[in-house]
């Protein structure tokens, strides 16, 4: 391979169907760190409602037919936020595996 000067970066790229710039970046990473391992995931946006998971679960359990809008308003009141969008609430319910039924919400897989 490249360490033993057996193949060029272009040959390695062609062999593994990757671009030469990808091979160059891996080689640079190896020289800097001694490893070809991928960098750890840097994360993403934090869940805006993570701190209110228990409240959301309790509200859904107490009132299984609560609408997304009603639930969003209750969580907004409890959190002091001016407004929580219905789509944000829908995404959070999906993350918590709280599924919607035709006539309301239910918990389960």
PDB file of N, CA and C in Angstrom:
ATOM      1  N   UNK A   1       0.834  -1.182   0.000  1.00  0.00           N
ATOM      2  CA  UNK A   1       0.000   0.000   0.000  1.00  0.00           C
ATOM      3  C   UNK A   1       0.879   1.245   0.000  1.00  0.00           C
ATOM      4  N   UNK A   2       0.309   2.358   0.389  1.00  0.00           N
ATOM      5  CA  UNK A   2       1.001   3.640   0.298  1.00  0.00           C
ATOM      6  C   UNK A   2       2.197   3.708   1.239  1.00  0.00           C
ATOM      7  N   UNK A   3       2.081   3.111   2.443  1.00  0.00           N
ATOM      8  CA  UNK A   3       3.169   3.173   3.417  1.00  0.00           C
ATOM      9  C   UNK A   3       4.424   2.498   2.871  1.00  0.00           C
ATOM     10  N   UNK A   4       4.234   1.417   2.162  1.00  0.00           N
ATOM     11  CA  UNK A   4       5.365   0.689   1.611  1.00  0.00           C
ATOM     12  C   UNK A   4       5.724   1.179   0.216  1.00  0.00           C
ATOM     13  N   UNK A   5       5.089   2.254  -0.250  1.00  0.00           N
ATOM     14  CA  UNK A   5       5.299   2.819  -1.594  1.00  0.00           C
ATOM     15  C   UNK A   5       5.009   1.806  -2.693  1.00  0.00           C
ATOM     16  N   UNK A   6       4.070   0.915  -2.444  1.00  0.00           N
ATOM     17  CA  UNK A   6       3.708  -0.083  -3.447  1.00  0.00           C
ATOM     18  C   UNK A   6       2.763   0.491  -4.495  1.00  0.00           C
ATOM     19  N   UNK A   7       1.874   1.391  -4.064  1.00  0.00           N
ATOM     20  CA  UNK A   7       0.888   1.966  -4.969  1.00  0.00           C
ATOM     21  C   UNK A   7       0.829   3.472  -4.761  1.00  0.00           C
ATOM     22  N   UNK A   8       0.491   4.178  -5.821  1.00  0.00           N
ATOM     23  CA  UNK A   8       0.321   5.629  -5.708  1.00  0.00           C
ATOM     24  C   UNK A   8      -1.068   5.926  -5.145  1.00  0.00           C
ATOM     25  N   UNK A   9      -1.277   7.178  -4.769  1.00  0.00           N
ATOM     26  CA  UNK A   9      -2.594   7.582  -4.263  1.00  0.00           C
ATOM     27  C   UNK A   9      -3.651   7.377  -5.336  1.00  0.00           C
ATOM     28  N   UNK A  10      -3.325   7.683  -6.570  1.00  0.00           N
ATOM     29  CA  UNK A  10      -4.282   7.513  -7.665  1.00  0.00           C
ATOM     30  C   UNK A  10      -4.639   6.040  -7.843  1.00  0.00           C
ATOM     31  N   UNK A  11      -3.656   5.155  -7.753  1.00  0.00           N
ATOM     32  CA  UNK A  11      -3.917   3.724  -7.898  1.00  0.00           C
ATOM     33  C   UNK A  11      -4.787   3.199  -6.757  1.00  0.00           C
ATOM     34  N   UNK A  12      -4.511   3.669  -5.546  1.00  0.00           N
ATOM     35  CA  UNK A  12      -5.322   3.258  -4.394  1.00  0.00           C
ATOM     36  C   UNK A  12      -6.751   3.766  -4.543  1.00  0.00           C
ATOM     37  N   UNK A  13      -6.903   5.015  -4.979  1.00  0.00           N
ATOM     38  CA  UNK A  13      -8.231   5.574  -5.201  1.00  0.00           C
ATOM     39  C   UNK A  13      -9.008   4.772  -6.218  1.00  0.00           C
ATOM     40  N   UNK A  14      -8.343   4.405  -7.298  1.00  0.00           N
ATOM     41  CA  UNK A  14      -9.005   3.624  -8.341  1.00  0.00           C
ATOM     42  C   UNK A  14      -9.374   2.231  -7.816  1.00  0.00           C
ATOM     43  N   UNK A  15      -8.473   1.635  -7.072  1.00  0.00           N
ATOM     44  CA  UNK A  15      -8.695   0.282  -6.543  1.00  0.00           C
ATOM     45  C   UNK A  15      -9.911   0.223  -5.615  1.00  0.00           C
ATOM     46  N   UNK A  16     -10.099   1.265  -4.787  1.00  0.00           N
ATOM     47  CA  UNK A  16     -11.208   1.280  -3.836  1.00  0.00           C
ATOM     48  C   UNK A  16     -12.384   2.154  -4.296  1.00  0.00           C
ATOM     49  N   UNK A  17     -12.313   2.642  -5.522  1.00  0.00           N
ATOM     50  CA  UNK A  17     -13.380   3.486  -6.104  1.00  0.00           C
ATOM     51  C   UNK A  17     -13.654   4.724  -5.256  1.00  0.00           C
ATOM     52  N   UNK A  18     -12.582   5.398  -4.847  1.00  0.00           N
ATOM     53  CA  UNK A  18     -12.699   6.659  -4.119  1.00  0.00           C
ATOM     54  C   UNK A  18     -11.833   7.698  -4.821  1.00  0.00           C
ATOM     55  N   UNK A  19     -12.070   8.952  -4.498  1.00  0.00           N
ATOM     56  CA  UNK A  19     -11.314  10.018  -5.147  1.00  0.00           C
ATOM     57  C   UNK A  19      -9.896  10.105  -4.585  1.00  0.00           C
ATOM     58  N   UNK A  20      -9.018  10.699  -5.361  1.00  0.00           N
ATOM     59  CA  UNK A  20      -7.640  10.896  -4.926  1.00  0.00           C
ATOM     60  C   UNK A  20      -7.609  11.821  -3.715  1.00  0.00           C
ATOM     61  N   UNK A  21      -8.499  12.816  -3.680  1.00  0.00           N
ATOM     62  CA  UNK A  21      -8.499  13.731  -2.534  1.00  0.00           C
ATOM     63  C   UNK A  21      -8.875  12.989  -1.240  1.00  0.00           C
ATOM     64  N   UNK A  22      -9.759  11.995  -1.336  1.00  0.00           N
ATOM     65  CA  UNK A  22     -10.098  11.190  -0.162  1.00  0.00           C
ATOM     66  C   UNK A  22      -8.881  10.415   0.326  1.00  0.00           C
ATOM     67  N   UNK A  23      -8.141   9.818  -0.600  1.00  0.00           N
ATOM     68  CA  UNK A  23      -6.928   9.081  -0.240  1.00  0.00           C
ATOM     69  C   UNK A  23      -5.920  10.040   0.397  1.00  0.00           C
ATOM     70  N   UNK A  24      -5.785  11.238  -0.176  1.00  0.00           N
ATOM     71  CA  UNK A  24      -4.857  12.239   0.376  1.00  0.00           C
ATOM     72  C   UNK A  24      -5.244  12.605   1.809  1.00  0.00           C
ATOM     73  N   UNK A  25      -6.534  12.808   2.034  1.00  0.00           N
ATOM     74  CA  UNK A  25      -6.996  13.168   3.383  1.00  0.00           C
ATOM     75  C   UNK A  25      -6.746  12.039   4.381  1.00  0.00           C
ATOM     76  N   UNK A  26      -6.991  10.801   3.968  1.00  0.00           N
ATOM     77  CA  UNK A  26      -6.707   9.671   4.854  1.00  0.00           C
ATOM     78  C   UNK A  26      -5.211   9.587   5.170  1.00  0.00           C
ATOM     79  N   UNK A  27      -4.393   9.800   4.160  1.00  0.00           N
ATOM     80  CA  UNK A  27      -2.944   9.743   4.355  1.00  0.00           C
ATOM     81  C   UNK A  27      -2.480  10.850   5.305  1.00  0.00           C
ATOM     82  N   UNK A  28      -3.058  12.043   5.139  1.00  0.00           N
ATOM     83  CA  UNK A  28      -2.728  13.151   6.049  1.00  0.00           C
ATOM     84  C   UNK A  28      -3.147  12.811   7.477  1.00  0.00           C
ATOM     85  N   UNK A  29      -4.320  12.207   7.625  1.00  0.00           N
ATOM     86  CA  UNK A  29      -4.798  11.826   8.954  1.00  0.00           C
ATOM     87  C   UNK A  29      -3.857  10.791   9.579  1.00  0.00           C
ATOM     88  N   UNK A  30      -3.409   9.844   8.762  1.00  0.00           N
ATOM     89  CA  UNK A  30      -2.501   8.820   9.271  1.00  0.00           C
ATOM     90  C   UNK A  30      -1.172   9.437   9.728  1.00  0.00           C
ATOM     91  N   UNK A  31      -0.645  10.360   8.942  1.00  0.00           N
ATOM     92  CA  UNK A  31       0.626  11.000   9.315  1.00  0.00           C
ATOM     93  C   UNK A  31       0.466  11.823  10.589  1.00  0.00           C
ATOM     94  N   UNK A  32      -0.687  12.446  10.771  1.00  0.00           N
ATOM     95  CA  UNK A  32      -0.908  13.304  11.942  1.00  0.00           C
ATOM     96  C   UNK A  32      -1.238  12.504  13.207  1.00  0.00           C
ATOM     97  N   UNK A  33      -2.021  11.421  13.053  1.00  0.00           N
ATOM     98  CA  UNK A  33      -2.514  10.707  14.233  1.00  0.00           C
ATOM     99  C   UNK A  33      -1.983   9.288  14.364  1.00  0.00           C
ATOM    100  N   UNK A  34      -1.438   8.743  13.276  1.00  0.00           N
ATOM    101  CA  UNK A  34      -0.986   7.356  13.299  1.00  0.00           C
ATOM    102  C   UNK A  34      -2.110   6.368  13.078  1.00  0.00           C
ATOM    103  N   UNK A  35      -3.271   6.864  12.679  1.00  0.00           N
ATOM    104  CA  UNK A  35      -4.435   5.999  12.494  1.00  0.00           C
ATOM    105  C   UNK A  35      -5.266   6.472  11.309  1.00  0.00           C
ATOM    106  N   UNK A  36      -5.902   5.527  10.641  1.00  0.00           N
ATOM    107  CA  UNK A  36      -6.833   5.853   9.560  1.00  0.00           C
ATOM    108  C   UNK A  36      -8.266   5.953  10.072  1.00  0.00           C
ATOM    109  N   UNK A  37      -8.470   5.716  11.375  1.00  0.00           N
ATOM    110  CA  UNK A  37      -9.811   5.704  11.962  1.00  0.00           C
ATOM    111  C   UNK A  37     -10.548   7.018  11.692  1.00  0.00           C
ATOM    112  N   UNK A  38     -11.847   6.899  11.525  1.00  0.00           N
ATOM    113  CA  UNK A  38     -12.679   8.087  11.325  1.00  0.00           C
ATOM    114  C   UNK A  38     -12.679   8.929  12.593  1.00  0.00           C
ATOM    115  N   UNK A  39     -12.852  10.207  12.421  1.00  0.00           N
ATOM    116  CA  UNK A  39     -12.958  11.105  13.566  1.00  0.00           C
ATOM    117  C   UNK A  39     -14.279  10.823  14.278  1.00  0.00           C
ATOM    118  N   UNK A  40     -14.352  11.073  15.583  1.00  0.00           N
ATOM    119  CA  UNK A  40     -15.625  10.854  16.280  1.00  0.00           C
ATOM    120  C   UNK A  40     -16.685  11.822  15.775  1.00  0.00           C
ATOM    121  N   UNK A  41     -17.923  11.386  15.864  1.00  0.00           N
ATOM    122  CA  UNK A  41     -19.035  12.228  15.418  1.00  0.00           C
ATOM    123  C   UNK A  41     -19.058  13.514  16.229  1.00  0.00           C
ATOM    124  N   UNK A  42     -19.149  14.622  15.534  1.00  0.00           N
ATOM    125  CA  UNK A  42     -19.108  15.927  16.196  1.00  0.00           C
ATOM    126  C   UNK A  42     -20.453  16.304  16.804  1.00  0.00           C
ATOM    127  N   UNK A  43     -21.462  15.517  16.536  1.00  0.00           N
ATOM    128  CA  UNK A  43     -22.778  15.815  17.095  1.00  0.00           C
ATOM    129  C   UNK A  43     -23.632  16.579  16.108  1.00  0.00           C
ATOM    130  N   UNK A  44     -24.657  17.106  16.591  1.00  0.00           N
ATOM    131  CA  UNK A  44     -25.586  17.877  15.789  1.00  0.00           C
ATOM    132  C   UNK A  44     -26.336  18.797  16.726  1.00  0.00           C
ATOM    133  N   UNK A  45     -27.460  19.238  16.268  1.00  0.00           N
ATOM    134  CA  UNK A  45     -28.277  20.076  17.140  1.00  0.00           C
ATOM    135  C   UNK A  45     -28.813  19.247  18.296  1.00  0.00           C
ATOM    136  N   UNK A  46     -28.842  19.853  19.458  1.00  0.00           N
ATOM    137  CA  UNK A  46     -29.437  19.173  20.607  1.00  0.00           C
ATOM    138  C   UNK A  46     -30.946  19.211  20.478  1.00  0.00           C
ATOM    139  N   UNK A  47     -31.582  18.187  21.024  1.00  0.00           N
ATOM    140  CA  UNK A  47     -33.044  18.178  21.025  1.00  0.00           C
ATOM    141  C   UNK A  47     -33.540  19.325  21.889  1.00  0.00           C
ATOM    142  N   UNK A  48     -34.421  20.122  21.348  1.00  0.00           N
ATOM    143  CA  UNK A  48     -34.905  21.285  22.086  1.00  0.00           C
ATOM    144  C   UNK A  48     -35.848  20.893  23.224  1.00  0.00           C
ATOM    145  N   UNK A  49     -36.439  19.714  23.166  1.00  0.00           N
ATOM    146  CA  UNK A  49     -37.401  19.293  24.189  1.00  0.00           C
ATOM    147  C   UNK A  49     -36.881  18.146  25.057  1.00  0.00           C
ATOM    148  N   UNK A  50     -35.596  17.859  25.006  1.00  0.00           N
ATOM    149  CA  UNK A  50     -35.024  16.739  25.756  1.00  0.00           C
ATOM    150  C   UNK A  50     -35.296  16.861  27.253  1.00  0.00           C
ATOM    151  N   UNK A  51     -35.232  18.051  27.778  1.00  0.00           N
ATOM    152  CA  UNK A  51     -35.427  18.264  29.213  1.00  0.00           C
ATOM    153  C   UNK A  51     -36.878  18.051  29.643  1.00  0.00           C
ATOM    154  N   UNK A  52     -37.784  17.981  28.693  1.00  0.00           N
ATOM    155  CA  UNK A  52     -39.214  17.879  29.002  1.00  0.00           C
ATOM    156  C   UNK A  52     -39.777  16.508  28.644  1.00  0.00           C
ATOM    157  N   UNK A  53     -38.899  15.521  28.468  1.00  0.00           N
ATOM    158  CA  UNK A  53     -39.336  14.177  28.098  1.00  0.00           C
ATOM    159  C   UNK A  53     -40.319  13.599  29.113  1.00  0.00           C
ATOM    160  N   UNK A  54     -40.015  13.722  30.400  1.00  0.00           N
ATOM    161  CA  UNK A  54     -40.896  13.170  31.436  1.00  0.00           C
ATOM    162  C   UNK A  54     -42.267  13.850  31.399  1.00  0.00           C
ATOM    163  N   UNK A  55     -42.275  15.162  31.209  1.00  0.00           N
ATOM    164  CA  UNK A  55     -43.536  15.897  31.128  1.00  0.00           C
ATOM    165  C   UNK A  55     -44.359  15.432  29.924  1.00  0.00           C
ATOM    166  N   UNK A  56     -43.709  15.277  28.788  1.00  0.00           N
ATOM    167  CA  UNK A  56     -44.416  14.851  27.576  1.00  0.00           C
ATOM    168  C   UNK A  56     -45.010  13.462  27.785  1.00  0.00           C
ATOM    169  N   UNK A  57     -44.202  12.550  28.333  1.00  0.00           N
ATOM    170  CA  UNK A  57     -44.705  11.190  28.586  1.00  0.00           C
ATOM    171  C   UNK A  57     -45.892  11.205  29.553  1.00  0.00           C
ATOM    172  N   UNK A  58     -45.789  12.019  30.603  1.00  0.00           N
ATOM    173  CA  UNK A  58     -46.864  12.097  31.600  1.00  0.00           C
ATOM    174  C   UNK A  58     -48.138  12.662  30.988  1.00  0.00           C
ATOM    175  N   UNK A  59     -48.016  13.690  30.179  1.00  0.00           N
ATOM    176  CA  UNK A  59     -49.201  14.296  29.552  1.00  0.00           C
ATOM    177  C   UNK A  59     -49.889  13.319  28.607  1.00  0.00           C
ATOM    178  N   UNK A  60     -49.083  12.594  27.828  1.00  0.00           N
ATOM    179  CA  UNK A  60     -49.658  11.622  26.892  1.00  0.00           C
ATOM    180  C   UNK A  60     -50.330  10.485  27.659  1.00  0.00           C
ATOM    181  N   UNK A  61     -49.698  10.051  28.751  1.00  0.00           N
ATOM    182  CA  UNK A  61     -50.285   8.974  29.550  1.00  0.00           C
ATOM    183  C   UNK A  61     -51.586   9.425  30.212  1.00  0.00           C
ATOM    184  N   UNK A  62     -51.603  10.663  30.715  1.00  0.00           N
ATOM    185  CA  UNK A  62     -52.790  11.180  31.403  1.00  0.00           C
ATOM    186  C   UNK A  62     -53.938  11.442  30.445  1.00  0.00           C
ATOM    187  N   UNK A  63     -53.619  11.885  29.238  1.00  0.00           N
ATOM    188  CA  UNK A  63     -54.662  12.227  28.276  1.00  0.00           C
ATOM    189  C   UNK A  63     -54.255  11.660  26.922  1.00  0.00           C
ATOM    190  N   UNK A  64     -54.652  10.434  26.657  1.00  0.00           N
ATOM    191  CA  UNK A  64     -54.179   9.731  25.460  1.00  0.00           C
ATOM    192  C   UNK A  64     -54.684  10.327  24.150  1.00  0.00           C
ATOM    193  N   UNK A  65     -55.725  11.144  24.211  1.00  0.00           N
ATOM    194  CA  UNK A  65     -56.243  11.745  22.980  1.00  0.00           C
ATOM    195  C   UNK A  65     -55.836  13.208  22.821  1.00  0.00           C
ATOM    196  N   UNK A  66     -54.799  13.632  23.529  1.00  0.00           N
ATOM    197  CA  UNK A  66     -54.324  15.013  23.439  1.00  0.00           C
ATOM    198  C   UNK A  66     -53.799  15.286  22.025  1.00  0.00           C
ATOM    199  N   UNK A  67     -54.085  16.450  21.505  1.00  0.00           N
ATOM    200  CA  UNK A  67     -53.598  16.796  20.169  1.00  0.00           C
ATOM    201  C   UNK A  67     -52.168  17.319  20.263  1.00  0.00           C
ATOM    202  N   UNK A  68     -51.494  17.341  19.136  1.00  0.00           N
ATOM    203  CA  UNK A  68     -50.127  17.879  19.105  1.00  0.00           C
ATOM    204  C   UNK A  68     -50.111  19.336  19.546  1.00  0.00           C
ATOM    205  N   UNK A  69     -51.098  20.094  19.106  1.00  0.00           N
ATOM    206  CA  UNK A  69     -51.164  21.511  19.450  1.00  0.00           C
ATOM    207  C   UNK A  69     -51.360  21.709  20.954  1.00  0.00           C
ATOM    208  N   UNK A  70     -52.255  20.927  21.541  1.00  0.00           N
ATOM    209  CA  UNK A  70     -52.483  21.021  22.988  1.00  0.00           C
ATOM    210  C   UNK A  70     -51.231  20.628  23.766  1.00  0.00           C
ATOM    211  N   UNK A  71     -50.599  19.567  23.336  1.00  0.00           N
ATOM    212  CA  UNK A  71     -49.382  19.102  24.003  1.00  0.00           C
ATOM    213  C   UNK A  71     -48.268  20.144  23.876  1.00  0.00           C
ATOM    214  N   UNK A  72     -48.134  20.730  22.699  1.00  0.00           N
ATOM    215  CA  UNK A  72     -47.116  21.764  22.477  1.00  0.00           C
ATOM    216  C   UNK A  72     -47.363  22.964  23.387  1.00  0.00           C
ATOM    217  N   UNK A  73     -48.624  23.355  23.544  1.00  0.00           N
ATOM    218  CA  UNK A  73     -48.947  24.491  24.418  1.00  0.00           C
ATOM    219  C   UNK A  73     -48.637  24.180  25.876  1.00  0.00           C
ATOM    220  N   UNK A  74     -48.953  22.962  26.329  1.00  0.00           N
ATOM    221  CA  UNK A  74     -48.671  22.593  27.721  1.00  0.00           C
ATOM    222  C   UNK A  74     -47.170  22.587  27.998  1.00  0.00           C
ATOM    223  N   UNK A  75     -46.400  22.045  27.077  1.00  0.00           N
ATOM    224  CA  UNK A  75     -44.951  21.995  27.264  1.00  0.00           C
ATOM    225  C   UNK A  75     -44.367  23.406  27.189  1.00  0.00           C
ATOM    226  N   UNK A  76     -44.908  24.253  26.315  1.00  0.00           N
ATOM    227  CA  UNK A  76     -44.440  25.631  26.220  1.00  0.00           C
ATOM    228  C   UNK A  76     -44.683  26.375  27.532  1.00  0.00           C
ATOM    229  N   UNK A  77     -45.850  26.170  28.120  1.00  0.00           N
ATOM    230  CA  UNK A  77     -46.155  26.805  29.411  1.00  0.00           C
ATOM    231  C   UNK A  77     -45.184  26.337  30.490  1.00  0.00           C
ATOM    232  N   UNK A  78     -44.949  25.041  30.547  1.00  0.00           N
ATOM    233  CA  UNK A  78     -44.077  24.474  31.575  1.00  0.00           C
ATOM    234  C   UNK A  78     -42.619  24.888  31.383  1.00  0.00           C
ATOM    235  N   UNK A  79     -42.216  25.070  30.132  1.00  0.00           N
ATOM    236  CA  UNK A  79     -40.820  25.388  29.851  1.00  0.00           C
ATOM    237  C   UNK A  79     -40.537  26.883  29.841  1.00  0.00           C
ATOM    238  N   UNK A  80     -41.580  27.674  29.768  1.00  0.00           N
ATOM    239  CA  UNK A  80     -41.393  29.113  29.691  1.00  0.00           C
ATOM    240  C   UNK A  80     -41.093  29.596  28.282  1.00  0.00           C
ATOM    241  N   UNK A  81     -41.175  28.690  27.315  1.00  0.00           N
ATOM    242  CA  UNK A  81     -40.954  29.072  25.918  1.00  0.00           C
ATOM    243  C   UNK A  81     -42.213  29.738  25.398  1.00  0.00           C
ATOM    244  N   UNK A  82     -42.007  30.664  24.501  1.00  0.00           N
ATOM    245  CA  UNK A  82     -43.151  31.387  23.963  1.00  0.00           C
ATOM    246  C   UNK A  82     -44.033  30.472  23.116  1.00  0.00           C
ATOM    247  N   UNK A  83     -43.375  29.608  22.311  1.00  0.00           N
ATOM    248  CA  UNK A  83     -44.142  28.745  21.414  1.00  0.00           C
ATOM    249  C   UNK A  83     -43.303  27.518  21.059  1.00  0.00           C
ATOM    250  N   UNK A  84     -43.964  26.377  20.939  1.00  0.00           N
ATOM    251  CA  UNK A  84     -43.328  25.163  20.437  1.00  0.00           C
ATOM    252  C   UNK A  84     -44.133  24.726  19.231  1.00  0.00           C
ATOM    253  N   UNK A  85     -43.451  24.524  18.133  1.00  0.00           N
ATOM    254  CA  UNK A  85     -44.130  24.160  16.898  1.00  0.00           C
ATOM    255  C   UNK A  85     -44.698  22.751  16.939  1.00  0.00           C
ATOM    256  N   UNK A  86     -45.756  22.554  16.198  1.00  0.00           N
ATOM    257  CA  UNK A  86     -46.413  21.254  16.125  1.00  0.00           C
ATOM    258  C   UNK A  86     -45.453  20.229  15.518  1.00  0.00           C
ATOM    259  N   UNK A  87     -44.668  20.612  14.515  1.00  0.00           N
ATOM    260  CA  UNK A  87     -43.728  19.679  13.907  1.00  0.00           C
ATOM    261  C   UNK A  87     -42.616  19.301  14.883  1.00  0.00           C
ATOM    262  N   UNK A  88     -42.186  20.253  15.707  1.00  0.00           N
ATOM    263  CA  UNK A  88     -41.182  19.947  16.729  1.00  0.00           C
ATOM    264  C   UNK A  88     -41.743  18.918  17.696  1.00  0.00           C
ATOM    265  N   UNK A  89     -42.981  19.096  18.091  1.00  0.00           N
ATOM    266  CA  UNK A  89     -43.628  18.159  18.998  1.00  0.00           C
ATOM    267  C   UNK A  89     -43.801  16.796  18.323  1.00  0.00           C
ATOM    268  N   UNK A  90     -44.170  16.792  17.069  1.00  0.00           N
ATOM    269  CA  UNK A  90     -44.330  15.549  16.320  1.00  0.00           C
ATOM    270  C   UNK A  90     -42.999  14.797  16.258  1.00  0.00           C
ATOM    271  N   UNK A  91     -41.918  15.507  15.967  1.00  0.00           N
ATOM    272  CA  UNK A  91     -40.586  14.895  15.929  1.00  0.00           C
ATOM    273  C   UNK A  91     -40.204  14.315  17.283  1.00  0.00           C
ATOM    274  N   UNK A  92     -40.507  15.048  18.346  1.00  0.00           N
ATOM    275  CA  UNK A  92     -40.165  14.583  19.695  1.00  0.00           C
ATOM    276  C   UNK A  92     -40.960  13.327  20.039  1.00  0.00           C
ATOM    277  N   UNK A  93     -42.227  13.289  19.702  1.00  0.00           N
ATOM    278  CA  UNK A  93     -43.037  12.102  19.959  1.00  0.00           C
ATOM    279  C   UNK A  93     -42.488  10.898  19.197  1.00  0.00           C
ATOM    280  N   UNK A  94     -42.020  11.142  17.995  1.00  0.00           N
ATOM    281  CA  UNK A  94     -41.429  10.070  17.195  1.00  0.00           C
ATOM    282  C   UNK A  94     -40.150   9.554  17.875  1.00  0.00           C
ATOM    283  N   UNK A  95     -39.317  10.469  18.364  1.00  0.00           N
ATOM    284  CA  UNK A  95     -38.084  10.068  19.057  1.00  0.00           C
ATOM    285  C   UNK A  95     -38.389   9.254  20.315  1.00  0.00           C
ATOM    286  N   UNK A  96     -39.458   9.644  21.003  1.00  0.00           N
ATOM    287  CA  UNK A  96     -39.848   8.965  22.240  1.00  0.00           C
ATOM    288  C   UNK A  96     -40.684   7.712  21.980  1.00  0.00           C
ATOM    289  N   UNK A  97     -40.921   7.435  20.702  1.00  0.00           N
ATOM    290  CA  UNK A  97     -41.731   6.287  20.284  1.00  0.00           C
ATOM    291  C   UNK A  97     -43.150   6.341  20.843  1.00  0.00           C
ATOM    292  N   UNK A  98     -43.682   7.545  20.900  1.00  0.00           N
ATOM    293  CA  UNK A  98     -45.088   7.753  21.267  1.00  0.00           C
ATOM    294  C   UNK A  98     -45.828   7.944  19.952  1.00  0.00           C
ATOM    295  N   UNK A  99     -46.534   6.901  19.538  1.00  0.00           N
ATOM    296  CA  UNK A  99     -47.147   6.928  18.215  1.00  0.00           C
ATOM    297  C   UNK A  99     -48.546   7.519  18.256  1.00  0.00           C
ATOM    298  N   UNK A 100     -48.937   8.078  17.119  1.00  0.00           N
ATOM    299  CA  UNK A 100     -50.266   8.663  16.993  1.00  0.00           C
ATOM    300  C   UNK A 100     -51.245   7.619  16.483  1.00  0.00           C
ATOM    301  N   UNK A 101     -52.433   7.673  17.030  1.00  0.00           N
ATOM    302  CA  UNK A 101     -53.529   6.864  16.516  1.00  0.00           C
ATOM    303  C   UNK A 101     -54.482   7.801  15.785  1.00  0.00           C
ATOM    304  N   UNK A 102     -55.390   7.249  15.095  1.00  0.00           N
ATOM    305  CA  UNK A 102     -56.353   8.048  14.349  1.00  0.00           C
ATOM    306  C   UNK A 102     -57.130   8.990  15.280  1.00  0.00           C
ATOM    307  N   UNK A 103     -57.483   8.510  16.456  1.00  0.00           N
ATOM    308  CA  UNK A 103     -58.278   9.307  17.381  1.00  0.00           C
ATOM    309  C   UNK A 103     -57.444   9.802  18.573  1.00  0.00           C
ATOM    310  N   UNK A 104     -56.146   9.893  18.442  1.00  0.00           N
ATOM    311  CA  UNK A 104     -55.322  10.389  19.540  1.00  0.00           C
ATOM    312  C   UNK A 104     -53.943   9.780  19.527  1.00  0.00           C
ATOM    313  N   UNK A 105     -53.326   9.730  20.679  1.00  0.00           N
ATOM    314  CA  UNK A 105     -51.975   9.198  20.796  1.00  0.00           C
ATOM    315  C   UNK A 105     -52.008   7.930  21.633  1.00  0.00           C
ATOM    316  N   UNK A 106     -51.060   7.061  21.398  1.00  0.00           N
ATOM    317  CA  UNK A 106     -50.908   5.895  22.257  1.00  0.00           C
ATOM    318  C   UNK A 106     -49.416   5.607  22.387  1.00  0.00           C
ATOM    319  N   UNK A 107     -49.052   4.971  23.451  1.00  0.00           N
ATOM    320  CA  UNK A 107     -47.667   4.584  23.629  1.00  0.00           C
ATOM    321  C   UNK A 107     -47.499   3.174  23.111  1.00  0.00           C
ATOM    322  N   UNK A 108     -46.280   2.815  22.806  1.00  0.00           N
ATOM    323  CA  UNK A 108     -46.020   1.449  22.379  1.00  0.00           C
ATOM    324  C   UNK A 108     -45.084   1.412  21.211  1.00  0.00           C
ATOM    325  N   UNK A 109     -44.783   0.209  20.801  1.00  0.00           N
ATOM    326  CA  UNK A 109     -43.824   0.009  19.701  1.00  0.00           C
ATOM    327  C   UNK A 109     -44.509  -0.042  18.373  1.00  0.00           C
TER     328      UNK A 109
END
